[in-house]
Protein backbone atom coordinates (compact mmCIF):
# COMPACT_ATOMS: atom_id res chain seq x y z
CA MET A 1 0.00 0.00 0.00
CA LYS A 2 1.39 3.36 -1.04
CA LYS A 3 2.19 5.66 1.85
CA GLU A 4 0.15 8.87 1.87
CA LYS A 5 2.28 11.97 1.40
CA ILE A 6 2.48 14.68 4.05
CA LYS A 7 0.69 17.80 2.83
CA VAL A 8 2.17 21.27 3.25
CA TYR A 9 1.53 24.91 2.46
CA LEU A 10 4.24 27.15 1.04
CA TYR A 11 4.39 30.77 2.19
CA THR A 12 6.56 33.45 0.58
CA ARG A 13 6.94 37.15 1.34
CA VAL A 14 9.09 40.08 0.23
CA LEU A 15 8.97 43.67 1.42
CA THR A 16 9.65 45.06 -2.06
CA THR A 17 8.55 43.64 -5.39
CA MET A 18 12.21 43.18 -6.38
CA GLN A 19 14.40 41.97 -3.53
CA ILE A 20 18.01 40.83 -3.73
CA ASP A 21 20.20 38.47 -1.71
CA GLY A 22 18.18 35.38 -2.65
CA TYR A 23 14.96 36.52 -1.02
CA SER A 24 12.91 37.04 -4.19
CA LEU A 25 9.60 35.18 -4.35
CA ASP A 26 10.90 32.83 -7.04
CA ALA A 27 14.09 32.10 -5.11
CA GLN A 28 12.09 31.26 -1.98
CA LYS A 29 9.76 28.96 -3.91
CA THR A 30 12.61 27.16 -5.63
CA LYS A 31 14.29 26.30 -2.32
CA MET A 32 11.06 25.14 -0.70
CA LYS A 33 9.97 23.03 -3.68
CA ALA A 34 13.36 21.31 -3.73
CA PHE A 35 12.91 20.59 -0.02
CA CYS A 36 9.44 19.13 -0.69
CA ASP A 37 10.77 16.94 -3.51
CA TYR A 38 13.54 15.60 -1.30
CA ASN A 39 11.16 14.80 1.57
CA GLU A 40 8.30 13.67 -0.70
CA TYR A 41 5.90 16.30 0.64
CA GLU A 42 2.77 17.19 -1.29
CA ILE A 43 2.21 20.91 -1.83
CA ALA A 44 -1.46 21.57 -1.06
CA GLY A 45 -1.35 25.34 -1.53
CA GLU A 46 0.93 28.29 -2.17
CA TYR A 47 0.51 31.73 -0.58
CA GLU A 48 2.55 34.83 -1.28
CA ASP A 49 2.57 38.44 -0.09
CA ALA A 50 4.58 40.74 -2.36
CA GLY A 51 5.52 44.17 -1.08
CA LYS A 52 4.41 43.42 2.48
CA SER A 53 6.34 44.11 5.67
CA GLY A 54 7.00 41.42 8.25
CA LYS A 55 6.32 43.90 11.04
CA SER A 56 2.77 42.63 11.50
CA ILE A 57 0.43 40.01 10.08
CA GLU A 58 -2.16 42.73 9.56
CA GLY A 59 -2.54 43.67 5.91
CA ARG A 60 -0.96 40.42 4.69
CA VAL A 61 -3.93 39.10 2.75
CA SER A 62 -2.43 35.79 1.65
CA PHE A 63 -0.99 35.06 5.08
CA ASN A 64 -4.36 35.58 6.73
CA GLN A 65 -6.07 33.46 4.08
CA MET A 66 -3.58 30.69 4.80
CA MET A 67 -4.40 30.89 8.49
CA GLU A 68 -8.12 30.65 7.72
CA ASP A 69 -7.47 27.59 5.55
CA ILE A 70 -5.48 26.01 8.39
CA LYS A 71 -8.32 26.61 10.82
CA SER A 72 -10.87 25.14 8.42
CA GLY A 73 -8.72 22.06 7.86
CA LYS A 74 -9.78 22.01 4.23
CA ASP A 75 -6.50 20.56 2.92
CA GLY A 76 -5.38 18.55 5.93
CA VAL A 77 -1.86 20.01 5.93
CA SER A 78 0.74 19.12 8.52
CA TYR A 79 3.24 21.92 7.89
CA VAL A 80 3.69 25.46 6.65
CA LEU A 81 7.01 25.90 4.88
CA VAL A 82 8.93 29.17 4.69
CA SER A 83 12.43 29.71 3.33
CA LYS A 84 13.53 31.60 6.47
CA LEU A 85 11.77 32.56 9.68
CA SER A 86 12.01 36.26 8.75
CA ARG A 87 9.73 35.54 5.76
CA PHE A 88 7.08 34.29 8.21
CA GLY A 89 7.36 37.43 10.33
CA ARG A 90 9.70 39.90 12.02
CA ASN A 91 7.57 40.54 15.08
CA ALA A 92 8.36 38.08 17.85
CA ALA A 93 4.94 38.30 19.50
CA ASP A 94 3.15 37.79 16.18
CA VAL A 95 5.33 34.84 15.22
CA LEU A 96 4.85 32.99 18.50
CA ALA A 97 1.11 33.74 18.72
CA THR A 98 0.53 32.62 15.13
CA LEU A 99 2.60 29.48 15.62
CA GLN A 100 0.53 28.60 18.69
CA VAL A 101 -2.68 28.95 16.68
CA MET A 102 -1.23 26.71 13.95
CA GLN A 103 -0.20 24.07 16.47
CA ASP A 104 -3.65 24.17 18.06
CA PHE A 105 -4.90 22.94 14.68
CA GLY A 106 -2.15 20.35 14.31
CA VAL A 107 0.05 22.32 11.92
CA ASN A 108 3.73 23.07 12.48
CA LEU A 109 6.25 25.40 10.87
CA ILE A 110 9.37 24.44 8.94
CA CYS A 111 11.99 27.10 8.13
CA VAL A 112 13.94 25.46 5.32
CA GLU A 113 17.17 27.50 5.36
CA ASP A 114 17.22 27.93 9.14
CA GLY A 115 16.82 24.17 9.64
CA ILE A 116 13.97 24.66 12.10
CA ASP A 117 10.98 22.35 12.62
CA SER A 118 8.56 23.50 15.32
CA SER A 119 7.38 19.93 15.84
CA LYS A 120 10.81 19.03 17.26
CA ASP A 121 11.77 19.59 20.89
CA ALA A 122 14.22 22.42 20.18
CA GLY A 123 12.21 23.91 17.32
CA LYS A 124 9.97 26.30 19.23
CA LEU A 125 12.88 27.51 21.38
CA MET A 126 14.88 28.33 18.25
CA ILE A 127 11.88 30.10 16.76
CA SER A 128 11.55 32.21 19.93
CA VAL A 129 15.20 33.25 19.71
CA LEU A 130 15.32 33.86 15.95
CA SER A 131 12.02 35.76 15.85
CA ALA A 132 13.39 38.15 18.50
CA VAL A 133 16.57 38.54 16.42
CA ALA A 134 14.47 39.16 13.29
CA GLU A 135 12.54 41.90 15.10
CA ILE A 136 15.77 43.62 16.16
CA GLU A 137 17.09 43.30 12.60
CA ARG A 138 13.90 44.86 11.22
CA GLU A 139 14.29 47.84 13.53
CA ASN A 140 17.95 48.23 12.54
CA ILE A 141 17.03 48.16 8.85
CA ARG A 142 14.37 50.81 9.45
CA VAL A 143 16.80 53.11 11.27
CA GLN A 144 19.57 52.63 8.71
CA THR A 145 17.20 53.26 5.82
CA MET A 146 15.90 56.45 7.39
CA GLU A 147 19.42 57.69 8.19
CA GLY A 148 20.38 57.03 4.59
CA ARG A 149 17.40 59.01 3.33
CA MET A 150 18.19 61.88 5.68
CA GLN A 151 21.83 61.99 4.62
CA LYS A 152 20.88 61.87 0.96
CA ALA A 153 18.47 64.77 1.44
CA ARG A 154 21.05 66.83 3.34
CA GLY A 155 23.33 66.44 0.34
CA GLY A 156 20.70 67.99 -1.89
CA LYS A 157 19.74 64.68 -3.47
CA TRP A 158 16.19 63.46 -3.87
CA ASN A 159 14.77 60.23 -2.49
CA GLY A 160 11.98 59.89 -5.03
CA GLY A 161 8.52 61.21 -5.72
CA PHE A 162 7.49 64.71 -6.76
CA ALA A 163 9.75 67.64 -5.95
CA PRO A 164 8.42 69.92 -3.17
CA TYR A 165 6.75 73.13 -4.27
CA GLY A 166 9.38 75.73 -5.09
CA TYR A 167 11.79 73.21 -6.58
CA SER A 168 12.21 71.33 -9.84
CA LEU A 169 13.83 67.93 -10.13
CA ILE A 170 16.69 68.15 -12.63
CA ASP A 171 19.00 65.17 -13.19
CA GLY A 172 18.08 63.71 -9.81
CA LYS A 173 18.78 66.95 -7.92
CA LEU A 174 16.53 69.71 -6.66
CA GLU A 175 16.92 73.13 -8.21
CA VAL A 176 15.01 76.27 -7.19
CA ASN A 177 12.04 76.87 -9.48
CA GLU A 178 12.02 80.67 -9.73
CA GLU A 179 8.40 80.81 -10.85
CA GLU A 180 7.22 78.90 -7.79
CA ALA A 181 9.86 80.43 -5.49
CA VAL A 182 8.03 83.79 -5.49
CA ALA A 183 5.36 82.37 -3.22
CA ILE A 184 7.83 80.47 -1.04
CA ARG A 185 9.93 83.57 -0.43
CA MET A 186 6.82 85.52 0.51
CA ILE A 187 5.72 82.81 2.94
CA PHE A 188 9.03 82.92 4.81
CA ASP A 189 9.16 86.70 4.66
CA GLN A 190 5.74 86.98 6.29
CA TYR A 191 6.63 84.40 8.87
CA VAL A 192 9.88 86.10 9.88
CA ASN A 193 8.78 89.73 9.69
CA THR A 194 5.14 89.67 10.83
CA ASP A 195 3.05 88.15 13.59
CA LEU A 196 0.87 86.27 11.14
CA GLY A 197 0.38 82.60 11.87
CA ALA A 198 -0.15 79.83 9.34
CA ASN A 199 -3.81 80.73 8.78
CA GLY A 200 -2.94 84.43 8.49
CA ILE A 201 -0.23 83.80 5.89
CA ALA A 202 -2.54 81.58 3.86
CA LYS A 203 -5.16 84.32 3.88
CA TYR A 204 -2.55 86.97 2.98
CA LEU A 205 -1.48 85.01 -0.09
CA GLU A 206 -5.08 84.51 -1.15
CA ASN A 207 -5.89 88.23 -0.73
CA HIS A 208 -2.84 89.18 -2.82
CA GLY A 209 -3.76 86.78 -5.59
CA ILE A 210 -0.79 84.49 -5.03
CA HIS A 211 -1.85 80.97 -5.85
CA LYS A 212 -0.07 77.70 -6.32
CA ILE A 213 0.89 76.88 -9.87
CA ALA A 214 -0.96 73.75 -10.96
CA ARG A 215 1.01 70.52 -10.91
CA GLN A 216 0.09 66.95 -11.72
CA ASN A 217 0.45 66.04 -8.04
CA GLY A 218 -1.97 68.69 -6.81
CA LYS A 219 -4.64 70.88 -8.29
CA ASN A 220 -5.66 72.99 -5.27
CA PRO A 221 -4.64 76.57 -6.24
CA LEU A 222 -4.54 77.79 -2.63
CA PHE A 223 -1.79 77.48 -0.04
CA ASP A 224 -3.41 75.87 3.00
CA ALA A 225 -2.48 76.55 6.61
CA ALA A 226 -1.20 73.02 7.28
CA LEU A 227 1.44 73.32 4.56
CA MET A 228 2.38 76.79 5.74
CA ASN A 229 2.79 75.61 9.32
CA PHE A 230 4.95 72.68 8.18
CA MET A 231 7.30 74.85 6.12
CA ASN A 232 7.69 77.39 8.89
CA LYS A 233 8.55 74.75 11.45
CA ALA A 234 11.05 73.25 9.03
CA HIS A 235 12.75 76.67 8.75
CA GLU A 236 12.78 77.22 12.52
CA LYS A 237 14.59 74.00 13.25
CA PHE A 238 15.68 70.93 11.35
CA TYR A 239 13.89 67.99 12.92
CA TYR A 240 12.31 64.72 12.05
CA ASP A 241 9.10 63.36 13.52
CA LYS A 242 7.08 60.24 12.75
CA SER A 243 4.24 62.41 11.50
CA PHE A 244 6.47 63.43 8.58
CA SER A 245 7.39 59.91 7.53
CA ARG A 246 5.09 59.90 4.51
CA SER A 247 6.55 60.11 1.00
CA GLY A 248 8.66 63.18 0.38
CA MET A 249 8.43 64.70 3.84
CA VAL A 250 11.94 63.74 4.92
CA ASN A 251 13.32 65.29 1.76
CA PHE A 252 11.26 68.41 2.22
CA VAL A 253 12.31 69.10 5.80
CA CYS A 254 16.00 68.67 4.96
CA ILE A 255 15.87 70.72 1.79
CA VAL A 256 13.94 73.62 3.29
CA HIS A 257 16.39 73.79 6.20
CA SER A 258 19.57 73.49 4.15
CA SER A 259 18.49 75.61 1.18
CA PHE A 260 16.61 78.53 2.73
CA GLN A 261 19.52 80.90 2.13
CA ARG A 262 19.25 80.18 -1.58
CA TYR A 263 15.75 81.60 -1.54
CA ARG A 264 16.69 84.91 0.13
């Protein structure tokens, strides 16, 4: 009688759609499929999350679908395979909580390259240690990436996206756009030499017929108070806050601080 094969799910994840160092989706699948062939495992399903962070399981559609399929028992799998533990998650609490749920439904985790099997005695201990290491590594990557972006911006280089108002992007560098700079100079002049706040400056520009020049990344012709307040704070003091972590904000703070003299 032919022995029934052990059924498994494959899970792959990358933070960016093109990732190097052997972590691409195809590279992960190749390693796991070779592992399955060697051990005569049957692949019952494949799940992948492209462009998703390992910080949390929230927002990882395929991962959560896999967990629902495990809970339903629809394929009768015994294992979930990942190439490395960091592909499963980089948050220690998430990794351990999710693994516990899987084991409650009789499913264990195999990390092919790490040589970890959570069904073994030492497996869960190793997962606890490595998931904590992965979380620390994730934080280090985040800090290093942000420092790199800040340094690049301080050097007058652009990190991507549309150039901030008052600048044009020329050969990868920001150059003052004299047509737009008229309004920017007036904003700083009013801020430095009057008692007008952000709302007052916005109203001043509107009353004097100074409007934003239309761009493809924004059609509102008026300068709003929130933008005014942001630029003024950036001039007062170079700083970085989590509220400015959205696209372009790091560039904008650095450039306004380092280039204000060019506007005067």
